[in-house]
Amino acid sequence: QENKGKVAKANPITYVSTAAPPFLIMHGKLDLTVIKNQSELLHQALQEKGNSSKLIFLDDVAHDFWGVGANLRQDILCQVQSFFDQYLKQDM
């Protein structure tokens, strides 16, 4: 109870507003550092405020994404590139 303020400050959901940029949330299913529910809650909070948010759960991936195989790494990079293209790429 006495640490509620500290917990709120550390929780990204505290800072979600209608002016948030697009979010790409990638969460490894083997993550033991952050439970998947936290990513789901952030994704939901962003969408409830009308923001763009994409949530992707990755099989066989832990918190740090180290040690993923070449195929999965390529898939992750393609998804990130697609997200950047959608939200950051300027028409030329």
PDB file of N, CA and C in Angstrom:
ATOM      1  N   GLN A   1       0.822  -1.199   0.000  1.00  0.00           N
ATOM      2  CA  GLN A   1       0.000   0.000   0.000  1.00  0.00           C
ATOM      3  C   GLN A   1       0.863   1.259   0.000  1.00  0.00           C
ATOM      4  N   GLU A   2       1.927   1.258   0.778  1.00  0.00           N
ATOM      5  CA  GLU A   2       2.746   2.468   0.886  1.00  0.00           C
ATOM      6  C   GLU A   2       3.531   2.766  -0.389  1.00  0.00           C
ATOM      7  N   ASN A   3       3.658   1.800  -1.265  1.00  0.00           N
ATOM      8  CA  ASN A   3       4.406   2.002  -2.506  1.00  0.00           C
ATOM      9  C   ASN A   3       3.513   2.228  -3.719  1.00  0.00           C
ATOM     10  N   LYS A   4       2.242   2.531  -3.495  1.00  0.00           N
ATOM     11  CA  LYS A   4       1.316   2.723  -4.617  1.00  0.00           C
ATOM     12  C   LYS A   4       1.801   3.806  -5.581  1.00  0.00           C
ATOM     13  N   GLY A   5       2.319   4.893  -5.048  1.00  0.00           N
ATOM     14  CA  GLY A   5       2.814   5.979  -5.895  1.00  0.00           C
ATOM     15  C   GLY A   5       3.983   5.536  -6.752  1.00  0.00           C
ATOM     16  N   LYS A   6       4.900   4.779  -6.168  1.00  0.00           N
ATOM     17  CA  LYS A   6       6.053   4.281  -6.924  1.00  0.00           C
ATOM     18  C   LYS A   6       5.614   3.288  -7.992  1.00  0.00           C
ATOM     19  N   VAL A   7       4.670   2.444  -7.637  1.00  0.00           N
ATOM     20  CA  VAL A   7       4.163   1.468  -8.599  1.00  0.00           C
ATOM     21  C   VAL A   7       3.503   2.187  -9.771  1.00  0.00           C
ATOM     22  N   ALA A   8       2.698   3.186  -9.483  1.00  0.00           N
ATOM     23  CA  ALA A   8       2.022   3.939 -10.545  1.00  0.00           C
ATOM     24  C   ALA A   8       3.032   4.632 -11.456  1.00  0.00           C
ATOM     25  N   LYS A   9       4.097   5.194 -10.870  1.00  0.00           N
ATOM     26  CA  LYS A   9       5.118   5.868 -11.678  1.00  0.00           C
ATOM     27  C   LYS A   9       5.843   4.894 -12.597  1.00  0.00           C
ATOM     28  N   ALA A  10       6.009   3.661 -12.154  1.00  0.00           N
ATOM     29  CA  ALA A  10       6.727   2.660 -12.940  1.00  0.00           C
ATOM     30  C   ALA A  10       5.837   1.972 -13.973  1.00  0.00           C
ATOM     31  N   ASN A  11       4.544   2.160 -13.868  1.00  0.00           N
ATOM     32  CA  ASN A  11       3.600   1.482 -14.751  1.00  0.00           C
ATOM     33  C   ASN A  11       3.343   2.334 -15.992  1.00  0.00           C
ATOM     34  N   PRO A  12       3.688   1.839 -17.186  1.00  0.00           N
ATOM     35  CA  PRO A  12       3.481   2.647 -18.394  1.00  0.00           C
ATOM     36  C   PRO A  12       2.022   3.008 -18.647  1.00  0.00           C
ATOM     37  N   ILE A  13       1.098   2.232 -18.125  1.00  0.00           N
ATOM     38  CA  ILE A  13      -0.326   2.526 -18.330  1.00  0.00           C
ATOM     39  C   ILE A  13      -0.694   3.872 -17.712  1.00  0.00           C
ATOM     40  N   THR A  14       0.026   4.273 -16.674  1.00  0.00           N
ATOM     41  CA  THR A  14      -0.199   5.561 -16.023  1.00  0.00           C
ATOM     42  C   THR A  14      -0.087   6.712 -17.022  1.00  0.00           C
ATOM     43  N   TYR A  15       0.761   6.557 -18.024  1.00  0.00           N
ATOM     44  CA  TYR A  15       1.075   7.646 -18.943  1.00  0.00           C
ATOM     45  C   TYR A  15       0.326   7.563 -20.277  1.00  0.00           C
ATOM     46  N   VAL A  16      -0.549   6.594 -20.420  1.00  0.00           N
ATOM     47  CA  VAL A  16      -1.313   6.463 -21.663  1.00  0.00           C
ATOM     48  C   VAL A  16      -2.291   7.624 -21.779  1.00  0.00           C
ATOM     49  N   SER A  17      -2.268   8.271 -22.938  1.00  0.00           N
ATOM     50  CA  SER A  17      -3.196   9.369 -23.201  1.00  0.00           C
ATOM     51  C   SER A  17      -3.710   9.241 -24.632  1.00  0.00           C
ATOM     52  N   THR A  18      -4.596  10.125 -25.002  1.00  0.00           N
ATOM     53  CA  THR A  18      -5.124  10.100 -26.368  1.00  0.00           C
ATOM     54  C   THR A  18      -4.080  10.553 -27.389  1.00  0.00           C
ATOM     55  N   ALA A  19      -2.984  11.119 -26.930  1.00  0.00           N
ATOM     56  CA  ALA A  19      -1.951  11.630 -27.830  1.00  0.00           C
ATOM     57  C   ALA A  19      -0.758  10.681 -27.957  1.00  0.00           C
ATOM     58  N   ALA A  20      -0.917   9.430 -27.579  1.00  0.00           N
ATOM     59  CA  ALA A  20       0.198   8.481 -27.653  1.00  0.00           C
ATOM     60  C   ALA A  20       0.521   8.150 -29.110  1.00  0.00           C
ATOM     61  N   PRO A  21       1.794   7.941 -29.402  1.00  0.00           N
ATOM     62  CA  PRO A  21       2.156   7.516 -30.757  1.00  0.00           C
ATOM     63  C   PRO A  21       1.747   6.056 -30.962  1.00  0.00           C
ATOM     64  N   PRO A  22       1.806   5.567 -32.185  1.00  0.00           N
ATOM     65  CA  PRO A  22       1.520   4.149 -32.421  1.00  0.00           C
ATOM     66  C   PRO A  22       2.499   3.263 -31.641  1.00  0.00           C
ATOM     67  N   PHE A  23       1.993   2.170 -31.115  1.00  0.00           N
ATOM     68  CA  PHE A  23       2.797   1.235 -30.333  1.00  0.00           C
ATOM     69  C   PHE A  23       2.871  -0.111 -31.030  1.00  0.00           C
ATOM     70  N   LEU A  24       4.056  -0.691 -31.047  1.00  0.00           N
ATOM     71  CA  LEU A  24       4.256  -2.083 -31.423  1.00  0.00           C
ATOM     72  C   LEU A  24       4.765  -2.781 -30.172  1.00  0.00           C
ATOM     73  N   ILE A  25       3.959  -3.674 -29.637  1.00  0.00           N
ATOM     74  CA  ILE A  25       4.319  -4.403 -28.423  1.00  0.00           C
ATOM     75  C   ILE A  25       4.591  -5.844 -28.822  1.00  0.00           C
ATOM     76  N   MET A  26       5.830  -6.271 -28.627  1.00  0.00           N
ATOM     77  CA  MET A  26       6.208  -7.656 -28.923  1.00  0.00           C
ATOM     78  C   MET A  26       6.573  -8.319 -27.604  1.00  0.00           C
ATOM     79  N   HIS A  27       5.914  -9.421 -27.318  1.00  0.00           N
ATOM     80  CA  HIS A  27       6.099 -10.084 -26.027  1.00  0.00           C
ATOM     81  C   HIS A  27       6.429 -11.555 -26.248  1.00  0.00           C
ATOM     82  N   GLY A  28       7.559 -11.973 -25.705  1.00  0.00           N
ATOM     83  CA  GLY A  28       7.944 -13.375 -25.793  1.00  0.00           C
ATOM     84  C   GLY A  28       7.108 -14.230 -24.855  1.00  0.00           C
ATOM     85  N   LYS A  29       6.625 -15.343 -25.362  1.00  0.00           N
ATOM     86  CA  LYS A  29       5.793 -16.229 -24.544  1.00  0.00           C
ATOM     87  C   LYS A  29       6.583 -16.905 -23.426  1.00  0.00           C
ATOM     88  N   LEU A  30       7.918 -16.903 -23.522  1.00  0.00           N
ATOM     89  CA  LEU A  30       8.760 -17.484 -22.477  1.00  0.00           C
ATOM     90  C   LEU A  30       9.288 -16.423 -21.515  1.00  0.00           C
ATOM     91  N   ASP A  31       8.782 -15.216 -21.606  1.00  0.00           N
ATOM     92  CA  ASP A  31       9.226 -14.101 -20.759  1.00  0.00           C
ATOM     93  C   ASP A  31       8.863 -14.376 -19.304  1.00  0.00           C
ATOM     94  N   LEU A  32       9.885 -14.432 -18.449  1.00  0.00           N
ATOM     95  CA  LEU A  32       9.679 -14.611 -17.015  1.00  0.00           C
ATOM     96  C   LEU A  32       9.886 -13.308 -16.254  1.00  0.00           C
ATOM     97  N   THR A  33      10.230 -12.235 -16.970  1.00  0.00           N
ATOM     98  CA  THR A  33      10.463 -10.929 -16.351  1.00  0.00           C
ATOM     99  C   THR A  33       9.181 -10.110 -16.307  1.00  0.00           C
ATOM    100  N   VAL A  34       8.473 -10.071 -17.408  1.00  0.00           N
ATOM    101  CA  VAL A  34       7.207  -9.338 -17.504  1.00  0.00           C
ATOM    102  C   VAL A  34       6.130 -10.339 -17.922  1.00  0.00           C
ATOM    103  N   ILE A  35       5.084 -10.443 -17.121  1.00  0.00           N
ATOM    104  CA  ILE A  35       4.025 -11.387 -17.472  1.00  0.00           C
ATOM    105  C   ILE A  35       3.227 -10.858 -18.662  1.00  0.00           C
ATOM    106  N   LYS A  36       2.697 -11.776 -19.462  1.00  0.00           N
ATOM    107  CA  LYS A  36       2.020 -11.372 -20.704  1.00  0.00           C
ATOM    108  C   LYS A  36       0.816 -10.487 -20.440  1.00  0.00           C
ATOM    109  N   ASN A  37       0.200 -10.647 -19.279  1.00  0.00           N
ATOM    110  CA  ASN A  37      -0.948  -9.824 -18.919  1.00  0.00           C
ATOM    111  C   ASN A  37      -0.601  -8.338 -18.934  1.00  0.00           C
ATOM    112  N   GLN A  38       0.631  -7.990 -18.576  1.00  0.00           N
ATOM    113  CA  GLN A  38       1.043  -6.586 -18.565  1.00  0.00           C
ATOM    114  C   GLN A  38       1.037  -6.003 -19.978  1.00  0.00           C
ATOM    115  N   SER A  39       1.493  -6.780 -20.938  1.00  0.00           N
ATOM    116  CA  SER A  39       1.458  -6.324 -22.333  1.00  0.00           C
ATOM    117  C   SER A  39       0.027  -6.211 -22.826  1.00  0.00           C
ATOM    118  N   GLU A  40      -0.808  -7.163 -22.432  1.00  0.00           N
ATOM    119  CA  GLU A  40      -2.220  -7.120 -22.823  1.00  0.00           C
ATOM    120  C   GLU A  40      -2.918  -5.895 -22.239  1.00  0.00           C
ATOM    121  N   LEU A  41      -2.619  -5.585 -20.977  1.00  0.00           N
ATOM    122  CA  LEU A  41      -3.234  -4.417 -20.332  1.00  0.00           C
ATOM    123  C   LEU A  41      -2.790  -3.113 -20.992  1.00  0.00           C
ATOM    124  N   LEU A  42      -1.507  -3.005 -21.328  1.00  0.00           N
ATOM    125  CA  LEU A  42      -1.008  -1.805 -22.003  1.00  0.00           C
ATOM    126  C   LEU A  42      -1.668  -1.664 -23.376  1.00  0.00           C
ATOM    127  N   HIS A  43      -1.711  -2.739 -24.121  1.00  0.00           N
ATOM    128  CA  HIS A  43      -2.349  -2.741 -25.442  1.00  0.00           C
ATOM    129  C   HIS A  43      -3.808  -2.295 -25.330  1.00  0.00           C
ATOM    130  N   GLN A  44      -4.516  -2.852 -24.373  1.00  0.00           N
ATOM    131  CA  GLN A  44      -5.930  -2.513 -24.174  1.00  0.00           C
ATOM    132  C   GLN A  44      -6.095  -1.048 -23.780  1.00  0.00           C
ATOM    133  N   ALA A  45      -5.247  -0.563 -22.868  1.00  0.00           N
ATOM    134  CA  ALA A  45      -5.335   0.835 -22.423  1.00  0.00           C
ATOM    135  C   ALA A  45      -5.090   1.791 -23.586  1.00  0.00           C
ATOM    136  N   LEU A  46      -4.122   1.472 -24.427  1.00  0.00           N
ATOM    137  CA  LEU A  46      -3.843   2.311 -25.595  1.00  0.00           C
ATOM    138  C   LEU A  46      -5.041   2.352 -26.538  1.00  0.00           C
ATOM    139  N   GLN A  47      -5.615   1.196 -26.811  1.00  0.00           N
ATOM    140  CA  GLN A  47      -6.762   1.141 -27.718  1.00  0.00           C
ATOM    141  C   GLN A  47      -7.984   1.843 -27.137  1.00  0.00           C
ATOM    142  N   GLU A  48      -8.190   1.714 -25.839  1.00  0.00           N
ATOM    143  CA  GLU A  48      -9.338   2.374 -25.207  1.00  0.00           C
ATOM    144  C   GLU A  48      -9.253   3.890 -25.312  1.00  0.00           C
ATOM    145  N   LYS A  49      -8.029   4.426 -25.413  1.00  0.00           N
ATOM    146  CA  LYS A  49      -7.838   5.868 -25.581  1.00  0.00           C
ATOM    147  C   LYS A  49      -7.814   6.270 -27.055  1.00  0.00           C
ATOM    148  N   GLY A  50      -8.069   5.314 -27.946  1.00  0.00           N
ATOM    149  CA  GLY A  50      -8.126   5.617 -29.371  1.00  0.00           C
ATOM    150  C   GLY A  50      -6.793   5.590 -30.086  1.00  0.00           C
ATOM    151  N   ASN A  51      -5.784   5.017 -29.463  1.00  0.00           N
ATOM    152  CA  ASN A  51      -4.454   4.954 -30.060  1.00  0.00           C
ATOM    153  C   ASN A  51      -4.267   3.672 -30.867  1.00  0.00           C
ATOM    154  N   SER A  52      -3.337   3.722 -31.813  1.00  0.00           N
ATOM    155  CA  SER A  52      -2.971   2.528 -32.573  1.00  0.00           C
ATOM    156  C   SER A  52      -2.005   1.695 -31.752  1.00  0.00           C
ATOM    157  N   SER A  53      -2.310   0.422 -31.622  1.00  0.00           N
ATOM    158  CA  SER A  53      -1.443  -0.490 -30.890  1.00  0.00           C
ATOM    159  C   SER A  53      -1.539  -1.869 -31.516  1.00  0.00           C
ATOM    160  N   LYS A  54      -0.385  -2.457 -31.746  1.00  0.00           N
ATOM    161  CA  LYS A  54      -0.333  -3.817 -32.272  1.00  0.00           C
ATOM    162  C   LYS A  54       0.405  -4.670 -31.254  1.00  0.00           C
ATOM    163  N   LEU A  55      -0.209  -5.773 -30.845  1.00  0.00           N
ATOM    164  CA  LEU A  55       0.371  -6.684 -29.859  1.00  0.00           C
ATOM    165  C   LEU A  55       0.664  -8.010 -30.539  1.00  0.00           C
ATOM    166  N   ILE A  56       1.915  -8.437 -30.439  1.00  0.00           N
ATOM    167  CA  ILE A  56       2.345  -9.695 -31.045  1.00  0.00           C
ATOM    168  C   ILE A  56       2.999 -10.548 -29.964  1.00  0.00           C
ATOM    169  N   PHE A  57       2.517 -11.775 -29.816  1.00  0.00           N
ATOM    170  CA  PHE A  57       3.152 -12.731 -28.913  1.00  0.00           C
ATOM    171  C   PHE A  57       4.045 -13.647 -29.736  1.00  0.00           C
ATOM    172  N   LEU A  58       5.266 -13.832 -29.246  1.00  0.00           N
ATOM    173  CA  LEU A  58       6.266 -14.601 -29.984  1.00  0.00           C
ATOM    174  C   LEU A  58       6.556 -15.921 -29.277  1.00  0.00           C
ATOM    175  N   ASP A  59       6.367 -17.022 -29.993  1.00  0.00           N
ATOM    176  CA  ASP A  59       6.680 -18.344 -29.452  1.00  0.00           C
ATOM    177  C   ASP A  59       8.188 -18.487 -29.247  1.00  0.00           C
ATOM    178  N   ASP A  60       8.567 -19.240 -28.246  1.00  0.00           N
ATOM    179  CA  ASP A  60       9.970 -19.605 -28.005  1.00  0.00           C
ATOM    180  C   ASP A  60      10.890 -18.398 -27.834  1.00  0.00           C
ATOM    181  N   VAL A  61      10.359 -17.305 -27.291  1.00  0.00           N
ATOM    182  CA  VAL A  61      11.150 -16.090 -27.073  1.00  0.00           C
ATOM    183  C   VAL A  61      11.006 -15.677 -25.615  1.00  0.00           C
ATOM    184  N   ALA A  62      12.147 -15.337 -24.988  1.00  0.00           N
ATOM    185  CA  ALA A  62      12.144 -14.863 -23.605  1.00  0.00           C
ATOM    186  C   ALA A  62      12.096 -13.333 -23.596  1.00  0.00           C
ATOM    187  N   HIS A  63      12.403 -12.736 -22.457  1.00  0.00           N
ATOM    188  CA  HIS A  63      12.305 -11.288 -22.301  1.00  0.00           C
ATOM    189  C   HIS A  63      13.292 -10.534 -23.190  1.00  0.00           C
ATOM    190  N   ASP A  64      14.486 -11.066 -23.320  1.00  0.00           N
ATOM    191  CA  ASP A  64      15.549 -10.316 -23.992  1.00  0.00           C
ATOM    192  C   ASP A  64      15.689 -10.618 -25.485  1.00  0.00           C
ATOM    193  N   PHE A  65      14.937 -11.565 -26.012  1.00  0.00           N
ATOM    194  CA  PHE A  65      14.955 -11.924 -27.434  1.00  0.00           C
ATOM    195  C   PHE A  65      16.283 -12.524 -27.884  1.00  0.00           C
ATOM    196  N   TRP A  66      17.233 -12.754 -26.964  1.00  0.00           N
ATOM    197  CA  TRP A  66      18.517 -13.339 -27.346  1.00  0.00           C
ATOM    198  C   TRP A  66      18.328 -14.809 -27.662  1.00  0.00           C
ATOM    199  N   GLY A  67      19.109 -15.282 -28.574  1.00  0.00           N
ATOM    200  CA  GLY A  67      19.122 -16.698 -28.893  1.00  0.00           C
ATOM    201  C   GLY A  67      18.003 -17.160 -29.803  1.00  0.00           C
ATOM    202  N   VAL A  68      17.250 -16.225 -30.373  1.00  0.00           N
ATOM    203  CA  VAL A  68      16.206 -16.656 -31.308  1.00  0.00           C
ATOM    204  C   VAL A  68      16.883 -17.118 -32.599  1.00  0.00           C
ATOM    205  N   GLY A  69      16.294 -18.091 -33.239  1.00  0.00           N
ATOM    206  CA  GLY A  69      16.855 -18.613 -34.480  1.00  0.00           C
ATOM    207  C   GLY A  69      16.765 -17.605 -35.610  1.00  0.00           C
ATOM    208  N   ALA A  70      17.489 -17.889 -36.660  1.00  0.00           N
ATOM    209  CA  ALA A  70      17.557 -16.969 -37.799  1.00  0.00           C
ATOM    210  C   ALA A  70      16.188 -16.734 -38.427  1.00  0.00           C
ATOM    211  N   ASN A  71      15.387 -17.777 -38.547  1.00  0.00           N
ATOM    212  CA  ASN A  71      14.066 -17.612 -39.165  1.00  0.00           C
ATOM    213  C   ASN A  71      13.164 -16.718 -38.330  1.00  0.00           C
ATOM    214  N   LEU A  72      13.152 -16.947 -37.022  1.00  0.00           N
ATOM    215  CA  LEU A  72      12.318 -16.124 -36.144  1.00  0.00           C
ATOM    216  C   LEU A  72      12.838 -14.690 -36.102  1.00  0.00           C
ATOM    217  N   ARG A  73      14.158 -14.539 -36.060  1.00  0.00           N
ATOM    218  CA  ARG A  73      14.745 -13.193 -36.062  1.00  0.00           C
ATOM    219  C   ARG A  73      14.322 -12.437 -37.320  1.00  0.00           C
ATOM    220  N   GLN A  74      14.350 -13.121 -38.458  1.00  0.00           N
ATOM    221  CA  GLN A  74      13.941 -12.493 -39.718  1.00  0.00           C
ATOM    222  C   GLN A  74      12.467 -12.110 -39.673  1.00  0.00           C
ATOM    223  N   ASP A  75      11.635 -12.975 -39.110  1.00  0.00           N
ATOM    224  CA  ASP A  75      10.206 -12.686 -38.981  1.00  0.00           C
ATOM    225  C   ASP A  75       9.979 -11.462 -38.097  1.00  0.00           C
ATOM    226  N   ILE A  76      10.706 -11.395 -36.982  1.00  0.00           N
ATOM    227  CA  ILE A  76      10.585 -10.244 -36.077  1.00  0.00           C
ATOM    228  C   ILE A  76      10.988  -8.962 -36.799  1.00  0.00           C
ATOM    229  N   LEU A  77      12.115  -9.004 -37.490  1.00  0.00           N
ATOM    230  CA  LEU A  77      12.588  -7.814 -38.211  1.00  0.00           C
ATOM    231  C   LEU A  77      11.601  -7.385 -39.290  1.00  0.00           C
ATOM    232  N   CYS A  78      10.999  -8.334 -39.966  1.00  0.00           N
ATOM    233  CA  CYS A  78       9.998  -8.003 -40.993  1.00  0.00           C
ATOM    234  C   CYS A  78       8.776  -7.333 -40.371  1.00  0.00           C
ATOM    235  N   GLN A  79       8.356  -7.817 -39.205  1.00  0.00           N
ATOM    236  CA  GLN A  79       7.204  -7.217 -38.538  1.00  0.00           C
ATOM    237  C   GLN A  79       7.516  -5.798 -38.063  1.00  0.00           C
ATOM    238  N   VAL A  80       8.726  -5.595 -37.553  1.00  0.00           N
ATOM    239  CA  VAL A  80       9.137  -4.253 -37.127  1.00  0.00           C
ATOM    240  C   VAL A  80       9.220  -3.325 -38.341  1.00  0.00           C
ATOM    241  N   GLN A  81       9.818  -3.810 -39.421  1.00  0.00           N
ATOM    242  CA  GLN A  81       9.930  -3.008 -40.645  1.00  0.00           C
ATOM    243  C   GLN A  81       8.553  -2.626 -41.173  1.00  0.00           C
ATOM    244  N   SER A  82       7.631  -3.561 -41.159  1.00  0.00           N
ATOM    245  CA  SER A  82       6.271  -3.298 -41.624  1.00  0.00           C
ATOM    246  C   SER A  82       5.594  -2.230 -40.771  1.00  0.00           C
ATOM    247  N   PHE A  83       5.790  -2.316 -39.459  1.00  0.00           N
ATOM    248  CA  PHE A  83       5.223  -1.325 -38.543  1.00  0.00           C
ATOM    249  C   PHE A  83       5.815   0.053 -38.827  1.00  0.00           C
ATOM    250  N   PHE A  84       7.145   0.116 -38.969  1.00  0.00           N
ATOM    251  CA  PHE A  84       7.797   1.395 -39.277  1.00  0.00           C
ATOM    252  C   PHE A  84       7.306   1.950 -40.613  1.00  0.00           C
ATOM    253  N   ASP A  85       7.205   1.092 -41.608  1.00  0.00           N
ATOM    254  CA  ASP A  85       6.721   1.545 -42.914  1.00  0.00           C
ATOM    255  C   ASP A  85       5.311   2.119 -42.802  1.00  0.00           C
ATOM    256  N   GLN A  86       4.477   1.464 -42.020  1.00  0.00           N
ATOM    257  CA  GLN A  86       3.088   1.911 -41.877  1.00  0.00           C
ATOM    258  C   GLN A  86       2.990   3.270 -41.196  1.00  0.00           C
ATOM    259  N   TYR A  87       3.812   3.499 -40.172  1.00  0.00           N
ATOM    260  CA  TYR A  87       3.645   4.706 -39.361  1.00  0.00           C
ATOM    261  C   TYR A  87       4.714   5.780 -39.555  1.00  0.00           C
ATOM    262  N   LEU A  88       5.862   5.421 -40.110  1.00  0.00           N
ATOM    263  CA  LEU A  88       6.947   6.400 -40.203  1.00  0.00           C
ATOM    264  C   LEU A  88       7.358   6.746 -41.627  1.00  0.00           C
ATOM    265  N   LYS A  89       7.113   5.850 -42.554  1.00  0.00           N
ATOM    266  CA  LYS A  89       7.574   6.067 -43.920  1.00  0.00           C
ATOM    267  C   LYS A  89       6.761   7.175 -44.578  1.00  0.00           C
ATOM    268  N   GLN A  90       7.465   8.094 -45.189  1.00  0.00           N
ATOM    269  CA  GLN A  90       6.825   9.202 -45.896  1.00  0.00           C
ATOM    270  C   GLN A  90       6.648   8.832 -47.361  1.00  0.00           C
ATOM    271  N   ASP A  91       5.532   9.233 -47.938  1.00  0.00           N
ATOM    272  CA  ASP A  91       5.344   9.036 -49.373  1.00  0.00           C
ATOM    273  C   ASP A  91       6.333   9.913 -50.121  1.00  0.00           C
ATOM    274  N   MET A  92       6.962   9.333 -51.091  1.00  0.00           N
ATOM    275  CA  MET A  92       7.961  10.092 -51.840  1.00  0.00           C
ATOM    276  C   MET A  92       7.476  10.373 -53.222  1.00  0.00           C
TER     277      MET A  92
END
